[in-house]
Amino acid sequence: TAILETLHRANEPRWHAIDLKIVPGITAAQGSAARIGAPLGHDFCVISLSDVLKPWDIVADRLDHAAAADLVIAMYNPTSRFRPWQLERARDILLKHRAAATPVILAKSVGRDAEEIRVSTLGALDLAWVDMRTTVIVGSSKTQSFPRFGGGEWVYTPRHYETN
């Protein structure tokens, strides 16, 4: 996006002739979800908790609406040493709409040697363990978890949405 924004704003016609190729990949949310099962199996959204490029009140409003819509929410940029408070505030917003027992996946350094995946709940979220390398996926009201043979857990969100 930063490159396209720069090209768009450039007042240099030669820049618009650059042979730019964009190669599809997977997001950290998708990579993290694949390690633990299929928590993104139904409607979901991805939200950055950083307030560097947008004000926190916009982030909070988006979280509130996504939680009210019962979407699975994947959060990136969850915390940093300059803004250690935002994940806690995000959790508090989500708890207005979700049960404390809602599954949460904490996926740190996915795809790297130091990769570590934890399954927790919204109420027991270990804020101190999360850093900028962590993707936080909060399940919807329908997200389920169950033991994985050999240890760990599977987490998934059903493809159907039954209303009773």
C-alpha atoms as a PDB file:
ATOM      1  CA  THR A   1       0.000   0.000   0.000  1.00  0.00           C
ATOM      2  CA  ALA A   2       2.790   2.442   0.863  1.00  0.00           C
ATOM      3  CA  ILE A   3       4.315   2.007  -2.603  1.00  0.00           C
ATOM      4  CA  LEU A   4       0.967   2.485  -4.365  1.00  0.00           C
ATOM      5  CA  GLU A   5       0.198   5.552  -2.261  1.00  0.00           C
ATOM      6  CA  THR A   6       3.582   7.025  -3.201  1.00  0.00           C
ATOM      7  CA  LEU A   7       3.064   6.276  -6.893  1.00  0.00           C
ATOM      8  CA  HIS A   8      -0.428   7.758  -6.796  1.00  0.00           C
ATOM      9  CA  ARG A   9       0.756  10.987  -5.215  1.00  0.00           C
ATOM     10  CA  ALA A  10       3.886  11.264  -7.329  1.00  0.00           C
ATOM     11  CA  ASN A  11       3.989  14.121  -9.741  1.00  0.00           C
ATOM     12  CA  GLU A  12       6.509  12.219 -11.849  1.00  0.00           C
ATOM     13  CA  PRO A  13       5.099  10.480 -14.963  1.00  0.00           C
ATOM     14  CA  ARG A  14       8.086   8.096 -15.153  1.00  0.00           C
ATOM     15  CA  TRP A  15       7.108   6.617 -11.793  1.00  0.00           C
ATOM     16  CA  HIS A  16       3.750   5.603 -13.212  1.00  0.00           C
ATOM     17  CA  ALA A  17       5.582   3.503 -15.795  1.00  0.00           C
ATOM     18  CA  ILE A  18       7.285   1.361 -13.143  1.00  0.00           C
ATOM     19  CA  ASP A  19       6.689  -2.340 -13.776  1.00  0.00           C
ATOM     20  CA  LEU A  20       5.311  -3.179 -10.351  1.00  0.00           C
ATOM     21  CA  LYS A  21       4.258  -6.754  -9.692  1.00  0.00           C
ATOM     22  CA  ILE A  22       2.215  -7.592  -6.623  1.00  0.00           C
ATOM     23  CA  VAL A  23       2.488 -11.225  -5.621  1.00  0.00           C
ATOM     24  CA  PRO A  24      -0.317 -12.724  -3.534  1.00  0.00           C
ATOM     25  CA  GLY A  25       0.595 -14.191  -0.201  1.00  0.00           C
ATOM     26  CA  ILE A  26      -1.123 -15.012   3.026  1.00  0.00           C
ATOM     27  CA  THR A  27      -1.716 -12.653   5.908  1.00  0.00           C
ATOM     28  CA  ALA A  28      -0.415 -13.262   9.404  1.00  0.00           C
ATOM     29  CA  ALA A  29      -4.036 -13.898  10.392  1.00  0.00           C
ATOM     30  CA  GLN A  30      -4.392 -16.698   7.826  1.00  0.00           C
ATOM     31  CA  GLY A  31      -1.034 -18.235   8.709  1.00  0.00           C
ATOM     32  CA  SER A  32      -1.853 -18.131  12.412  1.00  0.00           C
ATOM     33  CA  ALA A  33      -5.323 -19.594  11.883  1.00  0.00           C
ATOM     34  CA  ALA A  34      -3.947 -22.466   9.823  1.00  0.00           C
ATOM     35  CA  ARG A  35      -1.608 -23.496  12.648  1.00  0.00           C
ATOM     36  CA  ILE A  36      -4.487 -24.055  15.077  1.00  0.00           C
ATOM     37  CA  GLY A  37      -7.349 -25.240  12.861  1.00  0.00           C
ATOM     38  CA  ALA A  38      -9.942 -23.066  11.171  1.00  0.00           C
ATOM     39  CA  PRO A  39     -10.983 -20.184  13.434  1.00  0.00           C
ATOM     40  CA  LEU A  40     -11.558 -18.054  10.317  1.00  0.00           C
ATOM     41  CA  GLY A  41     -14.060 -20.614   8.973  1.00  0.00           C
ATOM     42  CA  HIS A  42     -16.909 -18.107   8.908  1.00  0.00           C
ATOM     43  CA  ASP A  43     -17.143 -14.332   8.596  1.00  0.00           C
ATOM     44  CA  PHE A  44     -14.177 -12.496  10.073  1.00  0.00           C
ATOM     45  CA  CYS A  45     -12.353  -9.186   9.990  1.00  0.00           C
ATOM     46  CA  VAL A  46      -8.773  -8.057  10.508  1.00  0.00           C
ATOM     47  CA  ILE A  47      -8.090  -4.928  12.553  1.00  0.00           C
ATOM     48  CA  SER A  48      -4.830  -3.220  13.459  1.00  0.00           C
ATOM     49  CA  LEU A  49      -4.703  -1.965  17.028  1.00  0.00           C
ATOM     50  CA  SER A  50      -2.081   0.616  16.101  1.00  0.00           C
ATOM     51  CA  ASP A  51      -3.078   4.239  16.399  1.00  0.00           C
ATOM     52  CA  VAL A  52      -0.073   5.459  14.438  1.00  0.00           C
ATOM     53  CA  LEU A  53      -2.008   5.960  11.168  1.00  0.00           C
ATOM     54  CA  LYS A  54      -5.537   6.372  12.576  1.00  0.00           C
ATOM     55  CA  PRO A  55      -6.887   7.654  15.906  1.00  0.00           C
ATOM     56  CA  TRP A  56      -7.625   5.160  18.689  1.00  0.00           C
ATOM     57  CA  ASP A  57     -11.300   6.150  18.801  1.00  0.00           C
ATOM     58  CA  ILE A  58     -11.679   4.834  15.229  1.00  0.00           C
ATOM     59  CA  VAL A  59      -9.945   1.567  16.205  1.00  0.00           C
ATOM     60  CA  ALA A  60     -12.216   1.229  19.255  1.00  0.00           C
ATOM     61  CA  ASP A  61     -15.335   1.944  17.202  1.00  0.00           C
ATOM     62  CA  ARG A  62     -14.379  -0.688  14.628  1.00  0.00           C
ATOM     63  CA  LEU A  63     -13.740  -3.243  17.375  1.00  0.00           C
ATOM     64  CA  ASP A  64     -17.082  -2.479  18.970  1.00  0.00           C
ATOM     65  CA  HIS A  65     -18.969  -2.884  15.685  1.00  0.00           C
ATOM     66  CA  ALA A  66     -17.108  -6.057  14.686  1.00  0.00           C
ATOM     67  CA  ALA A  67     -17.778  -7.591  18.091  1.00  0.00           C
ATOM     68  CA  ALA A  68     -21.454  -6.582  17.951  1.00  0.00           C
ATOM     69  CA  ALA A  69     -21.675  -8.228  14.506  1.00  0.00           C
ATOM     70  CA  ASP A  70     -20.270 -11.434  16.051  1.00  0.00           C
ATOM     71  CA  LEU A  71     -17.351 -11.575  13.622  1.00  0.00           C
ATOM     72  CA  VAL A  72     -14.182 -13.482  14.423  1.00  0.00           C
ATOM     73  CA  ILE A  73     -11.625 -10.704  14.909  1.00  0.00           C
ATOM     74  CA  ALA A  74      -7.954 -11.058  14.009  1.00  0.00           C
ATOM     75  CA  MET A  75      -5.882  -8.259  15.513  1.00  0.00           C
ATOM     76  CA  TYR A  76      -2.379  -7.283  14.483  1.00  0.00           C
ATOM     77  CA  ASN A  77      -0.081  -4.642  15.946  1.00  0.00           C
ATOM     78  CA  PRO A  78      -1.650  -5.595  19.286  1.00  0.00           C
ATOM     79  CA  THR A  79       0.850  -3.855  21.524  1.00  0.00           C
ATOM     80  CA  SER A  80       4.211  -2.137  21.590  1.00  0.00           C
ATOM     81  CA  ARG A  81       6.418  -0.595  24.206  1.00  0.00           C
ATOM     82  CA  PHE A  82       5.018   2.827  23.213  1.00  0.00           C
ATOM     83  CA  ARG A  83       1.367   1.689  23.464  1.00  0.00           C
ATOM     84  CA  PRO A  84       1.136  -1.190  25.930  1.00  0.00           C
ATOM     85  CA  TRP A  85      -2.444  -0.293  26.922  1.00  0.00           C
ATOM     86  CA  GLN A  86      -4.329  -0.902  23.677  1.00  0.00           C
ATOM     87  CA  LEU A  87      -4.789  -4.674  23.839  1.00  0.00           C
ATOM     88  CA  GLU A  88      -6.268  -4.373  27.326  1.00  0.00           C
ATOM     89  CA  ARG A  89      -8.734  -1.747  26.098  1.00  0.00           C
ATOM     90  CA  ALA A  90      -9.549  -3.896  23.063  1.00  0.00           C
ATOM     91  CA  ARG A  91     -10.275  -6.856  25.349  1.00  0.00           C
ATOM     92  CA  ASP A  92     -12.579  -4.707  27.488  1.00  0.00           C
ATOM     93  CA  ILE A  93     -14.512  -3.603  24.386  1.00  0.00           C
ATOM     94  CA  LEU A  94     -14.847  -7.200  23.193  1.00  0.00           C
ATOM     95  CA  LEU A  95     -16.036  -8.409  26.604  1.00  0.00           C
ATOM     96  CA  LYS A  96     -19.085  -6.147  26.229  1.00  0.00           C
ATOM     97  CA  HIS A  97     -20.202  -8.450  23.385  1.00  0.00           C
ATOM     98  CA  ARG A  98     -18.454 -11.774  24.012  1.00  0.00           C
ATOM     99  CA  ALA A  99     -18.388 -14.274  26.846  1.00  0.00           C
ATOM    100  CA  ALA A 100     -15.208 -14.496  28.898  1.00  0.00           C
ATOM    101  CA  ALA A 101     -14.948 -18.143  27.737  1.00  0.00           C
ATOM    102  CA  THR A 102     -14.617 -17.095  24.059  1.00  0.00           C
ATOM    103  CA  PRO A 103     -11.576 -18.851  22.530  1.00  0.00           C
ATOM    104  CA  VAL A 104      -8.582 -16.651  21.752  1.00  0.00           C
ATOM    105  CA  ILE A 105      -5.551 -17.691  19.731  1.00  0.00           C
ATOM    106  CA  LEU A 106      -2.230 -16.010  20.422  1.00  0.00           C
ATOM    107  CA  ALA A 107       0.170 -16.743  17.578  1.00  0.00           C
ATOM    108  CA  LYS A 108       3.676 -15.368  18.006  1.00  0.00           C
ATOM    109  CA  SER A 109       6.361 -15.365  15.303  1.00  0.00           C
ATOM    110  CA  VAL A 110       4.396 -17.650  12.971  1.00  0.00           C
ATOM    111  CA  GLY A 111       6.664 -19.172  10.344  1.00  0.00           C
ATOM    112  CA  ARG A 112       9.835 -18.401  12.277  1.00  0.00           C
ATOM    113  CA  ASP A 113      12.025 -20.580  14.482  1.00  0.00           C
ATOM    114  CA  ALA A 114      10.591 -18.964  17.622  1.00  0.00           C
ATOM    115  CA  GLU A 115       6.976 -19.709  16.608  1.00  0.00           C
ATOM    116  CA  GLU A 116       4.657 -20.259  19.552  1.00  0.00           C
ATOM    117  CA  ILE A 117       0.887 -20.717  19.548  1.00  0.00           C
ATOM    118  CA  ARG A 118      -1.299 -20.513  22.637  1.00  0.00           C
ATOM    119  CA  VAL A 119      -5.029 -20.979  23.038  1.00  0.00           C
ATOM    120  CA  SER A 120      -6.656 -19.009  25.811  1.00  0.00           C
ATOM    121  CA  THR A 121      -9.962 -17.326  26.491  1.00  0.00           C
ATOM    122  CA  LEU A 122     -10.962 -13.699  26.301  1.00  0.00           C
ATOM    123  CA  GLY A 123     -11.335 -13.542  30.077  1.00  0.00           C
ATOM    124  CA  ALA A 124      -7.938 -15.148  30.764  1.00  0.00           C
ATOM    125  CA  LEU A 125      -5.978 -13.319  28.052  1.00  0.00           C
ATOM    126  CA  ASP A 126      -2.313 -13.005  29.081  1.00  0.00           C
ATOM    127  CA  LEU A 127      -1.652  -9.420  28.027  1.00  0.00           C
ATOM    128  CA  ALA A 128       1.991  -9.527  29.129  1.00  0.00           C
ATOM    129  CA  TRP A 129       2.832 -12.414  26.750  1.00  0.00           C
ATOM    130  CA  VAL A 130       1.663 -10.547  23.642  1.00  0.00           C
ATOM    131  CA  ASP A 131       4.063  -8.409  21.619  1.00  0.00           C
ATOM    132  CA  MET A 132       4.261  -6.884  18.120  1.00  0.00           C
ATOM    133  CA  ARG A 133       5.077 -10.308  16.642  1.00  0.00           C
ATOM    134  CA  THR A 134       1.793 -11.734  17.935  1.00  0.00           C
ATOM    135  CA  THR A 135      -1.445 -12.091  16.010  1.00  0.00           C
ATOM    136  CA  VAL A 136      -4.467 -12.257  18.322  1.00  0.00           C
ATOM    137  CA  ILE A 137      -7.550 -14.042  16.976  1.00  0.00           C
ATOM    138  CA  VAL A 138     -10.726 -13.707  19.042  1.00  0.00           C
ATOM    139  CA  GLY A 139     -13.461 -16.177  18.189  1.00  0.00           C
ATOM    140  CA  SER A 140     -17.108 -15.419  17.562  1.00  0.00           C
ATOM    141  CA  SER A 141     -19.886 -16.699  19.815  1.00  0.00           C
ATOM    142  CA  LYS A 142     -19.863 -19.891  17.691  1.00  0.00           C
ATOM    143  CA  THR A 143     -16.107 -20.610  17.753  1.00  0.00           C
ATOM    144  CA  GLN A 144     -15.253 -23.978  19.294  1.00  0.00           C
ATOM    145  CA  SER A 145     -12.136 -25.691  20.595  1.00  0.00           C
ATOM    146  CA  PHE A 146     -11.371 -29.308  21.421  1.00  0.00           C
ATOM    147  CA  PRO A 147      -8.302 -31.363  22.374  1.00  0.00           C
ATOM    148  CA  ARG A 148      -5.870 -32.363  19.647  1.00  0.00           C
ATOM    149  CA  PHE A 149      -4.494 -35.891  19.757  1.00  0.00           C
ATOM    150  CA  GLY A 150      -0.953 -35.673  21.117  1.00  0.00           C
ATOM    151  CA  GLY A 151      -1.518 -32.376  22.908  1.00  0.00           C
ATOM    152  CA  GLY A 152      -2.731 -28.916  22.173  1.00  0.00           C
ATOM    153  CA  GLU A 153      -6.093 -27.847  20.849  1.00  0.00           C
ATOM    154  CA  TRP A 154      -7.964 -27.442  17.602  1.00  0.00           C
ATOM    155  CA  VAL A 155      -9.981 -24.251  17.208  1.00  0.00           C
ATOM    156  CA  TYR A 156     -12.587 -23.685  14.510  1.00  0.00           C
ATOM    157  CA  THR A 157     -15.585 -21.548  13.691  1.00  0.00           C
ATOM    158  CA  PRO A 158     -18.422 -23.531  12.097  1.00  0.00           C
ATOM    159  CA  ARG A 159     -19.337 -22.648   8.523  1.00  0.00           C
ATOM    160  CA  HIS A 160     -23.032 -22.616   9.395  1.00  0.00           C
ATOM    161  CA  TYR A 161     -24.673 -20.114  11.670  1.00  0.00           C
ATOM    162  CA  GLU A 162     -27.566 -21.567  13.562  1.00  0.00           C
ATOM    163  CA  THR A 163     -29.805 -19.163  15.411  1.00  0.00           C
ATOM    164  CA  ASN A 164     -31.864 -20.585  18.237  1.00  0.00           C
END
